[in-house]
Amino acid sequence: MDTDRTSAQGTYEEYETAYEDGNTLGGPLSEIFAVDLTAAVGRCAGCGATGPLARLRVYDRAPGLVARCPDCSRVVLRLVWGPDTAWLDLQGAASLAIPLDGRG
């Protein structure tokens, strides 16, 4: 992989280290869901790794949030919101187990 590439937004190395942890998703997802999804356990559709959403690497330099698997770097989740609508793409998640805090 050519790591000498640069763009208007910086080098490839800068992009690779410019992520936040999955806890960054807590606030935006709480605007949509009534439970804390950062504790939900997801399984990456790419490599099968499992772990809480808080473990994902979240990039916020796109028009929204992009969360990648920390094991294989595949995109697991995308979240984009507008004035009246939010779009949540979980195509990269094979499953998502959401704790319901004693319900059921």
N, C-alpha and C. Protein backbone atom coordinates (compact mmCIF):
# COMPACT_ATOMS: atom_id res chain seq x y z
N MET A 1 0.85 -1.18 0.00
CA MET A 1 0.00 0.00 0.00
C MET A 1 0.89 1.24 0.00
N ASP A 2 0.58 2.18 -0.82
CA ASP A 2 1.35 3.42 -0.93
C ASP A 2 0.96 4.36 0.20
N THR A 3 1.87 4.52 1.17
CA THR A 3 1.56 5.37 2.33
C THR A 3 2.06 6.79 2.16
N ASP A 4 2.60 7.12 0.99
CA ASP A 4 3.07 8.47 0.73
C ASP A 4 1.99 9.35 0.13
N ARG A 5 0.80 8.81 -0.05
CA ARG A 5 -0.28 9.59 -0.65
C ARG A 5 -0.69 10.74 0.25
N THR A 6 -0.99 11.86 -0.35
CA THR A 6 -1.49 13.00 0.40
C THR A 6 -2.73 13.52 -0.29
N SER A 7 -3.52 14.25 0.45
CA SER A 7 -4.72 14.88 -0.10
C SER A 7 -4.88 16.23 0.57
N ALA A 8 -5.95 16.92 0.21
CA ALA A 8 -6.23 18.21 0.82
C ALA A 8 -6.48 18.08 2.32
N GLN A 9 -6.84 16.86 2.76
CA GLN A 9 -7.16 16.66 4.17
C GLN A 9 -6.01 16.03 4.95
N GLY A 10 -4.89 15.72 4.31
CA GLY A 10 -3.75 15.17 5.04
C GLY A 10 -3.27 13.88 4.43
N THR A 11 -2.31 13.25 5.10
CA THR A 11 -1.72 12.02 4.60
C THR A 11 -2.56 10.82 5.01
N TYR A 12 -2.25 9.70 4.38
CA TYR A 12 -2.92 8.44 4.71
C TYR A 12 -2.69 8.09 6.18
N GLU A 13 -1.47 8.28 6.67
CA GLU A 13 -1.15 7.96 8.06
C GLU A 13 -1.99 8.81 9.02
N GLU A 14 -2.18 10.08 8.69
CA GLU A 14 -3.00 10.95 9.54
C GLU A 14 -4.43 10.45 9.59
N TYR A 15 -4.96 10.00 8.45
CA TYR A 15 -6.33 9.48 8.41
C TYR A 15 -6.45 8.22 9.25
N GLU A 16 -5.48 7.32 9.14
CA GLU A 16 -5.52 6.06 9.85
C GLU A 16 -5.49 6.22 11.37
N THR A 17 -4.94 7.30 11.87
CA THR A 17 -4.85 7.51 13.31
C THR A 17 -5.82 8.57 13.81
N ALA A 18 -6.70 9.06 12.96
CA ALA A 18 -7.59 10.16 13.32
C ALA A 18 -8.96 9.69 13.79
N TYR A 19 -9.04 8.49 14.35
CA TYR A 19 -10.35 7.97 14.77
C TYR A 19 -10.58 8.17 16.26
N GLU A 20 -11.85 8.12 16.63
CA GLU A 20 -12.26 8.13 18.04
C GLU A 20 -12.73 6.71 18.36
N ASP A 21 -12.91 6.38 19.64
CA ASP A 21 -13.46 5.06 19.93
C ASP A 21 -14.98 5.09 19.78
N GLY A 22 -15.59 3.92 19.82
CA GLY A 22 -17.02 3.78 19.56
C GLY A 22 -17.93 4.50 20.53
N ASN A 23 -17.41 4.95 21.67
CA ASN A 23 -18.23 5.72 22.60
C ASN A 23 -18.72 7.02 21.97
N THR A 24 -18.04 7.46 20.91
CA THR A 24 -18.45 8.65 20.18
C THR A 24 -19.85 8.50 19.60
N LEU A 25 -20.27 7.26 19.37
CA LEU A 25 -21.60 6.99 18.81
C LEU A 25 -22.71 7.16 19.84
N GLY A 26 -22.37 7.17 21.13
CA GLY A 26 -23.37 7.22 22.20
C GLY A 26 -24.36 8.36 22.10
N GLY A 27 -23.87 9.57 21.95
CA GLY A 27 -24.75 10.74 21.86
C GLY A 27 -25.64 10.72 20.63
N PRO A 28 -25.03 10.60 19.43
CA PRO A 28 -25.86 10.60 18.23
C PRO A 28 -26.88 9.45 18.18
N LEU A 29 -26.48 8.23 18.62
CA LEU A 29 -27.43 7.12 18.58
C LEU A 29 -28.52 7.26 19.64
N SER A 30 -28.22 7.96 20.74
CA SER A 30 -29.25 8.15 21.78
C SER A 30 -30.35 9.08 21.29
N GLU A 31 -30.08 9.85 20.25
CA GLU A 31 -31.11 10.69 19.67
C GLU A 31 -32.12 9.87 18.87
N ILE A 32 -31.74 8.64 18.50
CA ILE A 32 -32.60 7.78 17.70
C ILE A 32 -33.18 6.63 18.52
N PHE A 33 -32.37 6.02 19.38
CA PHE A 33 -32.77 4.84 20.14
C PHE A 33 -32.91 5.17 21.62
N ALA A 34 -33.81 4.45 22.30
CA ALA A 34 -34.06 4.69 23.72
C ALA A 34 -33.08 3.95 24.63
N VAL A 35 -32.21 3.13 24.08
CA VAL A 35 -31.22 2.40 24.87
C VAL A 35 -29.82 2.82 24.44
N ASP A 36 -28.84 2.59 25.31
CA ASP A 36 -27.45 2.91 24.99
C ASP A 36 -26.89 1.81 24.10
N LEU A 37 -26.70 2.12 22.83
CA LEU A 37 -26.22 1.12 21.88
C LEU A 37 -24.71 0.90 21.93
N THR A 38 -23.96 1.74 22.64
CA THR A 38 -22.52 1.51 22.71
C THR A 38 -22.20 0.23 23.47
N ALA A 39 -23.14 -0.25 24.31
CA ALA A 39 -22.95 -1.50 25.04
C ALA A 39 -23.44 -2.71 24.23
N ALA A 40 -24.16 -2.48 23.13
CA ALA A 40 -24.64 -3.58 22.30
C ALA A 40 -23.45 -4.33 21.71
N VAL A 41 -23.57 -5.64 21.62
CA VAL A 41 -22.50 -6.47 21.08
C VAL A 41 -22.80 -6.77 19.62
N GLY A 42 -21.89 -6.33 18.76
CA GLY A 42 -22.04 -6.56 17.33
C GLY A 42 -21.04 -7.57 16.83
N ARG A 43 -21.36 -8.15 15.67
CA ARG A 43 -20.44 -9.08 15.01
C ARG A 43 -20.13 -8.54 13.63
N CYS A 44 -18.86 -8.36 13.34
CA CYS A 44 -18.43 -7.83 12.05
C CYS A 44 -18.77 -8.83 10.95
N ALA A 45 -19.41 -8.36 9.89
CA ALA A 45 -19.75 -9.21 8.76
C ALA A 45 -18.51 -9.60 7.96
N GLY A 46 -17.43 -8.87 8.14
CA GLY A 46 -16.20 -9.15 7.40
C GLY A 46 -15.36 -10.25 8.02
N CYS A 47 -14.99 -10.10 9.29
CA CYS A 47 -14.08 -11.04 9.92
C CYS A 47 -14.72 -11.87 11.03
N GLY A 48 -15.95 -11.52 11.44
CA GLY A 48 -16.63 -12.28 12.48
C GLY A 48 -16.28 -11.87 13.90
N ALA A 49 -15.42 -10.88 14.06
CA ALA A 49 -15.05 -10.42 15.41
C ALA A 49 -16.29 -9.87 16.12
N THR A 50 -16.39 -10.13 17.41
CA THR A 50 -17.51 -9.61 18.20
C THR A 50 -16.99 -8.69 19.28
N GLY A 51 -17.83 -7.75 19.68
CA GLY A 51 -17.49 -6.83 20.75
C GLY A 51 -18.50 -5.71 20.81
N PRO A 52 -18.44 -4.92 21.88
CA PRO A 52 -19.38 -3.81 22.01
C PRO A 52 -19.12 -2.74 20.95
N LEU A 53 -20.16 -2.00 20.58
CA LEU A 53 -20.00 -0.92 19.61
C LEU A 53 -18.97 0.09 20.08
N ALA A 54 -18.81 0.22 21.40
CA ALA A 54 -17.83 1.16 21.95
C ALA A 54 -16.40 0.82 21.50
N ARG A 55 -16.17 -0.38 21.04
CA ARG A 55 -14.84 -0.82 20.60
C ARG A 55 -14.54 -0.40 19.15
N LEU A 56 -15.56 -0.03 18.39
CA LEU A 56 -15.36 0.35 16.99
C LEU A 56 -14.50 1.60 16.87
N ARG A 57 -13.86 1.77 15.74
CA ARG A 57 -13.08 2.98 15.45
C ARG A 57 -13.98 3.91 14.63
N VAL A 58 -14.27 5.07 15.18
CA VAL A 58 -15.23 5.99 14.57
C VAL A 58 -14.50 7.16 13.93
N TYR A 59 -14.80 7.39 12.67
CA TYR A 59 -14.22 8.50 11.92
C TYR A 59 -15.32 9.52 11.68
N ASP A 60 -15.01 10.79 11.97
CA ASP A 60 -16.03 11.83 11.85
C ASP A 60 -15.68 12.87 10.79
N ARG A 61 -14.75 12.57 9.90
CA ARG A 61 -14.36 13.51 8.85
C ARG A 61 -15.16 13.30 7.56
N ALA A 62 -16.19 12.51 7.63
CA ALA A 62 -17.08 12.28 6.49
C ALA A 62 -18.37 13.05 6.77
N PRO A 63 -19.31 13.04 5.83
CA PRO A 63 -20.61 13.68 6.13
C PRO A 63 -21.43 12.78 7.05
N GLY A 64 -21.02 12.68 8.29
CA GLY A 64 -21.66 11.80 9.27
C GLY A 64 -20.57 11.04 10.01
N LEU A 65 -20.92 9.87 10.55
CA LEU A 65 -19.96 9.04 11.28
C LEU A 65 -19.79 7.72 10.55
N VAL A 66 -18.56 7.25 10.46
CA VAL A 66 -18.24 5.96 9.87
C VAL A 66 -17.50 5.17 10.94
N ALA A 67 -18.03 3.99 11.30
CA ALA A 67 -17.42 3.15 12.33
C ALA A 67 -16.85 1.89 11.69
N ARG A 68 -15.58 1.62 11.96
CA ARG A 68 -14.88 0.48 11.37
C ARG A 68 -14.51 -0.54 12.43
N CYS A 69 -14.45 -1.80 12.02
CA CYS A 69 -14.02 -2.89 12.89
C CYS A 69 -12.56 -2.67 13.28
N PRO A 70 -12.21 -2.77 14.57
CA PRO A 70 -10.82 -2.58 14.97
C PRO A 70 -9.92 -3.75 14.57
N ASP A 71 -10.52 -4.88 14.17
CA ASP A 71 -9.73 -6.05 13.81
C ASP A 71 -9.41 -6.11 12.31
N CYS A 72 -10.39 -5.79 11.45
CA CYS A 72 -10.16 -5.91 10.00
C CYS A 72 -10.37 -4.60 9.24
N SER A 73 -10.79 -3.54 9.91
CA SER A 73 -11.00 -2.21 9.33
C SER A 73 -12.19 -2.10 8.39
N ARG A 74 -13.04 -3.13 8.31
CA ARG A 74 -14.22 -3.06 7.46
C ARG A 74 -15.22 -2.08 8.07
N VAL A 75 -15.96 -1.36 7.22
CA VAL A 75 -17.00 -0.46 7.70
C VAL A 75 -18.14 -1.30 8.27
N VAL A 76 -18.47 -1.08 9.54
CA VAL A 76 -19.53 -1.81 10.21
C VAL A 76 -20.80 -0.98 10.27
N LEU A 77 -20.66 0.33 10.46
CA LEU A 77 -21.80 1.20 10.70
C LEU A 77 -21.56 2.56 10.08
N ARG A 78 -22.62 3.12 9.50
CA ARG A 78 -22.59 4.51 9.02
C ARG A 78 -23.80 5.21 9.59
N LEU A 79 -23.62 6.44 10.06
CA LEU A 79 -24.72 7.23 10.60
C LEU A 79 -24.63 8.64 10.04
N VAL A 80 -25.68 9.04 9.34
CA VAL A 80 -25.76 10.38 8.76
C VAL A 80 -27.11 10.94 9.16
N TRP A 81 -27.13 12.20 9.54
CA TRP A 81 -28.40 12.80 9.90
C TRP A 81 -28.59 14.14 9.22
N GLY A 82 -29.85 14.45 8.95
CA GLY A 82 -30.25 15.72 8.38
C GLY A 82 -31.23 16.39 9.31
N PRO A 83 -31.88 17.44 8.88
CA PRO A 83 -32.79 18.18 9.75
C PRO A 83 -33.96 17.34 10.27
N ASP A 84 -34.49 16.45 9.45
CA ASP A 84 -35.68 15.69 9.84
C ASP A 84 -35.52 14.18 9.76
N THR A 85 -34.35 13.70 9.37
CA THR A 85 -34.16 12.27 9.14
C THR A 85 -32.75 11.86 9.53
N ALA A 86 -32.63 10.64 10.05
CA ALA A 86 -31.32 10.03 10.30
C ALA A 86 -31.25 8.74 9.50
N TRP A 87 -30.08 8.47 8.92
CA TRP A 87 -29.87 7.25 8.17
C TRP A 87 -28.82 6.43 8.89
N LEU A 88 -29.17 5.18 9.22
CA LEU A 88 -28.27 4.27 9.91
C LEU A 88 -28.06 3.06 9.01
N ASP A 89 -26.82 2.84 8.59
CA ASP A 89 -26.47 1.71 7.74
C ASP A 89 -25.66 0.72 8.58
N LEU A 90 -26.20 -0.46 8.78
CA LEU A 90 -25.52 -1.52 9.53
C LEU A 90 -25.14 -2.69 8.64
N GLN A 91 -24.94 -2.44 7.35
CA GLN A 91 -24.65 -3.49 6.40
C GLN A 91 -23.41 -4.28 6.79
N GLY A 92 -22.45 -3.64 7.44
CA GLY A 92 -21.22 -4.33 7.83
C GLY A 92 -21.31 -5.09 9.14
N ALA A 93 -22.50 -5.08 9.77
CA ALA A 93 -22.70 -5.83 11.01
C ALA A 93 -23.52 -7.08 10.71
N ALA A 94 -22.98 -8.25 11.04
CA ALA A 94 -23.71 -9.49 10.82
C ALA A 94 -24.84 -9.63 11.84
N SER A 95 -24.63 -9.09 13.03
CA SER A 95 -25.68 -9.11 14.06
C SER A 95 -25.40 -8.02 15.08
N LEU A 96 -26.42 -7.71 15.87
CA LEU A 96 -26.30 -6.70 16.92
C LEU A 96 -27.18 -7.14 18.09
N ALA A 97 -26.59 -7.47 19.22
CA ALA A 97 -27.31 -7.89 20.42
C ALA A 97 -27.43 -6.67 21.33
N ILE A 98 -28.67 -6.18 21.53
CA ILE A 98 -28.91 -4.94 22.26
C ILE A 98 -29.43 -5.27 23.67
N PRO A 99 -28.65 -4.90 24.72
CA PRO A 99 -29.13 -5.14 26.09
C PRO A 99 -30.32 -4.22 26.40
N LEU A 100 -31.36 -4.79 27.01
CA LEU A 100 -32.56 -4.02 27.30
C LEU A 100 -32.73 -3.76 28.80
N ASP A 101 -31.68 -3.86 29.58
CA ASP A 101 -31.69 -3.49 31.00
C ASP A 101 -32.86 -4.09 31.77
N GLY A 102 -32.98 -5.42 31.77
CA GLY A 102 -33.98 -6.09 32.59
C GLY A 102 -35.37 -6.18 32.00
N ARG A 103 -35.57 -5.66 30.80
CA ARG A 103 -36.89 -5.79 30.19
C ARG A 103 -37.09 -7.20 29.66
N GLY A 104 -38.34 -7.64 29.66
CA GLY A 104 -38.68 -8.91 29.04
C GLY A 104 -38.64 -10.00 29.93
